[in-house]
Amino acid sequence: MENNRNKEKKDQEVEELDEETLFVVSQTFKALSDPTRIRILHLLCEQEMSVNQIADTLDLRQSTVSHQLRFLKNLRLVKYRRAGTTLFYSHDDEHVIDVLQQTINHALHH
């Protein structure tokens, strides 16, 4: 009897999310709510690419790609390395990539 009460009490003690965590989660979903950012992240799952390569592959303007990469970089969803004057971007968060891939798989099998 005592064990059941303790279990019920434990089940009711859901940990509240702090403001910073809520903000990061909501911003991550915001990032994944934009079709262009989804396309860029999906592409970067496959390989590292420069802004020009991304723009050419996705048929987007370079300025559009740069703007979206800046947004994704600020959320630490992409990272870059410099080679001479060129920046090469890649994904930077395996957790978010997993969520993206699972969501794509869901959409494909729905």
C-alpha atoms as a PDB file:
ATOM      1  CA  MET A   1       0.000   0.000   0.000  1.00  0.00           C
ATOM      2  CA  GLU A   2       2.800   2.410   0.962  1.00  0.00           C
ATOM      3  CA  ASN A   3       4.659   1.625  -2.291  1.00  0.00           C
ATOM      4  CA  ASN A   4       1.597   2.519  -4.367  1.00  0.00           C
ATOM      5  CA  ARG A   5       1.253   5.899  -2.608  1.00  0.00           C
ATOM      6  CA  ASN A   6       4.927   6.661  -3.160  1.00  0.00           C
ATOM      7  CA  LYS A   7       4.651   5.705  -6.832  1.00  0.00           C
ATOM      8  CA  GLU A   8       1.580   7.914  -7.304  1.00  0.00           C
ATOM      9  CA  LYS A   9       3.326  10.816  -5.599  1.00  0.00           C
ATOM     10  CA  LYS A  10       6.448  10.294  -7.735  1.00  0.00           C
ATOM     11  CA  ASP A  11       4.354  10.182 -10.934  1.00  0.00           C
ATOM     12  CA  GLN A  12       2.837  13.557 -10.020  1.00  0.00           C
ATOM     13  CA  GLU A  13       6.238  15.172  -9.429  1.00  0.00           C
ATOM     14  CA  VAL A  14       7.011  16.070 -13.020  1.00  0.00           C
ATOM     15  CA  GLU A  15      10.065  18.265 -13.206  1.00  0.00           C
ATOM     16  CA  GLU A  16       9.275  21.806 -14.391  1.00  0.00           C
ATOM     17  CA  LEU A  17      11.436  23.116 -17.219  1.00  0.00           C
ATOM     18  CA  ASP A  18      13.453  26.207 -16.451  1.00  0.00           C
ATOM     19  CA  GLU A  19      13.134  29.323 -18.628  1.00  0.00           C
ATOM     20  CA  GLU A  20      16.435  28.811 -20.441  1.00  0.00           C
ATOM     21  CA  THR A  21      15.564  25.224 -21.383  1.00  0.00           C
ATOM     22  CA  LEU A  22      12.120  26.291 -22.598  1.00  0.00           C
ATOM     23  CA  PHE A  23      13.686  29.036 -24.701  1.00  0.00           C
ATOM     24  CA  VAL A  24      16.262  26.711 -26.305  1.00  0.00           C
ATOM     25  CA  VAL A  25      13.640  24.042 -27.048  1.00  0.00           C
ATOM     26  CA  SER A  26      11.232  26.571 -28.578  1.00  0.00           C
ATOM     27  CA  GLN A  27      14.015  28.129 -30.680  1.00  0.00           C
ATOM     28  CA  THR A  28      15.084  24.692 -31.889  1.00  0.00           C
ATOM     29  CA  PHE A  29      11.547  23.906 -33.005  1.00  0.00           C
ATOM     30  CA  LYS A  30      11.377  27.362 -34.589  1.00  0.00           C
ATOM     31  CA  ALA A  31      14.526  26.485 -36.547  1.00  0.00           C
ATOM     32  CA  LEU A  32      12.947  23.228 -37.677  1.00  0.00           C
ATOM     33  CA  SER A  33       9.700  24.934 -38.669  1.00  0.00           C
ATOM     34  CA  ASP A  34      11.206  26.678 -41.689  1.00  0.00           C
ATOM     35  CA  PRO A  35      11.363  24.688 -44.970  1.00  0.00           C
ATOM     36  CA  THR A  36      14.603  26.350 -46.112  1.00  0.00           C
ATOM     37  CA  ARG A  37      16.371  25.587 -42.827  1.00  0.00           C
ATOM     38  CA  ILE A  38      15.098  21.996 -42.968  1.00  0.00           C
ATOM     39  CA  ARG A  39      16.507  21.646 -46.489  1.00  0.00           C
ATOM     40  CA  ILE A  40      19.866  23.061 -45.410  1.00  0.00           C
ATOM     41  CA  LEU A  41      20.120  20.863 -42.307  1.00  0.00           C
ATOM     42  CA  HIS A  42      19.080  17.799 -44.288  1.00  0.00           C
ATOM     43  CA  LEU A  43      21.777  18.531 -46.852  1.00  0.00           C
ATOM     44  CA  LEU A  44      24.398  19.046 -44.119  1.00  0.00           C
ATOM     45  CA  CYS A  45      23.479  15.645 -42.646  1.00  0.00           C
ATOM     46  CA  GLU A  46      25.057  14.139 -45.747  1.00  0.00           C
ATOM     47  CA  GLN A  47      28.195  16.237 -46.102  1.00  0.00           C
ATOM     48  CA  GLU A  48      30.051  19.399 -45.229  1.00  0.00           C
ATOM     49  CA  MET A  49      29.421  22.192 -47.740  1.00  0.00           C
ATOM     50  CA  SER A  50      30.250  25.826 -48.439  1.00  0.00           C
ATOM     51  CA  VAL A  51      27.594  28.529 -48.750  1.00  0.00           C
ATOM     52  CA  ASN A  52      27.985  28.497 -52.541  1.00  0.00           C
ATOM     53  CA  GLN A  53      27.646  24.706 -52.708  1.00  0.00           C
ATOM     54  CA  ILE A  54      24.493  24.832 -50.577  1.00  0.00           C
ATOM     55  CA  ALA A  55      23.051  27.674 -52.657  1.00  0.00           C
ATOM     56  CA  ASP A  56      23.774  25.855 -55.928  1.00  0.00           C
ATOM     57  CA  THR A  57      22.473  22.488 -54.707  1.00  0.00           C
ATOM     58  CA  LEU A  58      19.236  23.910 -53.297  1.00  0.00           C
ATOM     59  CA  ASP A  59      18.807  26.589 -55.989  1.00  0.00           C
ATOM     60  CA  LEU A  60      18.799  29.398 -53.423  1.00  0.00           C
ATOM     61  CA  ARG A  61      20.411  32.813 -53.336  1.00  0.00           C
ATOM     62  CA  GLN A  62      23.719  32.964 -51.482  1.00  0.00           C
ATOM     63  CA  SER A  63      22.353  35.713 -49.220  1.00  0.00           C
ATOM     64  CA  THR A  64      19.396  33.499 -48.255  1.00  0.00           C
ATOM     65  CA  VAL A  65      21.688  30.606 -47.383  1.00  0.00           C
ATOM     66  CA  SER A  66      24.025  32.871 -45.388  1.00  0.00           C
ATOM     67  CA  HIS A  67      21.110  34.316 -43.432  1.00  0.00           C
ATOM     68  CA  GLN A  68      19.717  30.869 -42.587  1.00  0.00           C
ATOM     69  CA  LEU A  69      23.147  29.506 -41.651  1.00  0.00           C
ATOM     70  CA  ARG A  70      23.649  32.442 -39.280  1.00  0.00           C
ATOM     71  CA  PHE A  71      20.329  31.595 -37.606  1.00  0.00           C
ATOM     72  CA  LEU A  72      21.304  27.910 -37.333  1.00  0.00           C
ATOM     73  CA  LYS A  73      24.811  28.751 -36.097  1.00  0.00           C
ATOM     74  CA  ASN A  74      23.447  30.976 -33.336  1.00  0.00           C
ATOM     75  CA  LEU A  75      21.445  27.976 -32.087  1.00  0.00           C
ATOM     76  CA  ARG A  76      24.553  25.758 -32.387  1.00  0.00           C
ATOM     77  CA  LEU A  77      22.816  23.547 -34.924  1.00  0.00           C
ATOM     78  CA  VAL A  78      25.569  24.055 -37.498  1.00  0.00           C
ATOM     79  CA  LYS A  79      29.287  24.715 -37.206  1.00  0.00           C
ATOM     80  CA  TYR A  80      31.910  25.767 -39.713  1.00  0.00           C
ATOM     81  CA  ARG A  81      35.572  25.410 -40.462  1.00  0.00           C
ATOM     82  CA  ARG A  82      37.635  27.820 -42.503  1.00  0.00           C
ATOM     83  CA  ALA A  83      39.752  26.670 -45.449  1.00  0.00           C
ATOM     84  CA  GLY A  84      41.467  29.727 -46.892  1.00  0.00           C
ATOM     85  CA  THR A  85      38.695  32.217 -47.563  1.00  0.00           C
ATOM     86  CA  THR A  86      35.935  29.597 -47.716  1.00  0.00           C
ATOM     87  CA  LEU A  87      33.760  28.504 -44.801  1.00  0.00           C
ATOM     88  CA  PHE A  88      32.558  24.905 -44.844  1.00  0.00           C
ATOM     89  CA  TYR A  89      29.439  24.162 -42.814  1.00  0.00           C
ATOM     90  CA  SER A  90      28.329  20.929 -41.172  1.00  0.00           C
ATOM     91  CA  HIS A  91      25.673  19.968 -38.642  1.00  0.00           C
ATOM     92  CA  ASP A  92      26.630  20.434 -34.999  1.00  0.00           C
ATOM     93  CA  ASP A  93      23.977  18.663 -32.946  1.00  0.00           C
ATOM     94  CA  GLU A  94      23.355  14.960 -33.377  1.00  0.00           C
ATOM     95  CA  HIS A  95      20.238  15.134 -31.161  1.00  0.00           C
ATOM     96  CA  VAL A  96      18.516  17.653 -33.423  1.00  0.00           C
ATOM     97  CA  ILE A  97      19.606  15.775 -36.544  1.00  0.00           C
ATOM     98  CA  ASP A  98      18.071  12.616 -35.055  1.00  0.00           C
ATOM     99  CA  VAL A  99      14.796  14.482 -34.439  1.00  0.00           C
ATOM    100  CA  LEU A 100      14.879  15.841 -37.995  1.00  0.00           C
ATOM    101  CA  GLN A 101      15.575  12.395 -39.506  1.00  0.00           C
ATOM    102  CA  GLN A 102      12.845  10.760 -37.407  1.00  0.00           C
ATOM    103  CA  THR A 103      10.374  13.441 -38.477  1.00  0.00           C
ATOM    104  CA  ILE A 104      11.332  13.003 -42.143  1.00  0.00           C
ATOM    105  CA  ASN A 105      10.894   9.231 -41.776  1.00  0.00           C
ATOM    106  CA  HIS A 106       7.508   9.818 -40.161  1.00  0.00           C
ATOM    107  CA  ALA A 107       6.437  12.044 -43.053  1.00  0.00           C
ATOM    108  CA  LEU A 108       7.629   9.531 -45.648  1.00  0.00           C
ATOM    109  CA  HIS A 109       5.742   6.643 -44.033  1.00  0.00           C
ATOM    110  CA  HIS A 110       2.564   8.522 -43.256  1.00  0.00           C
END
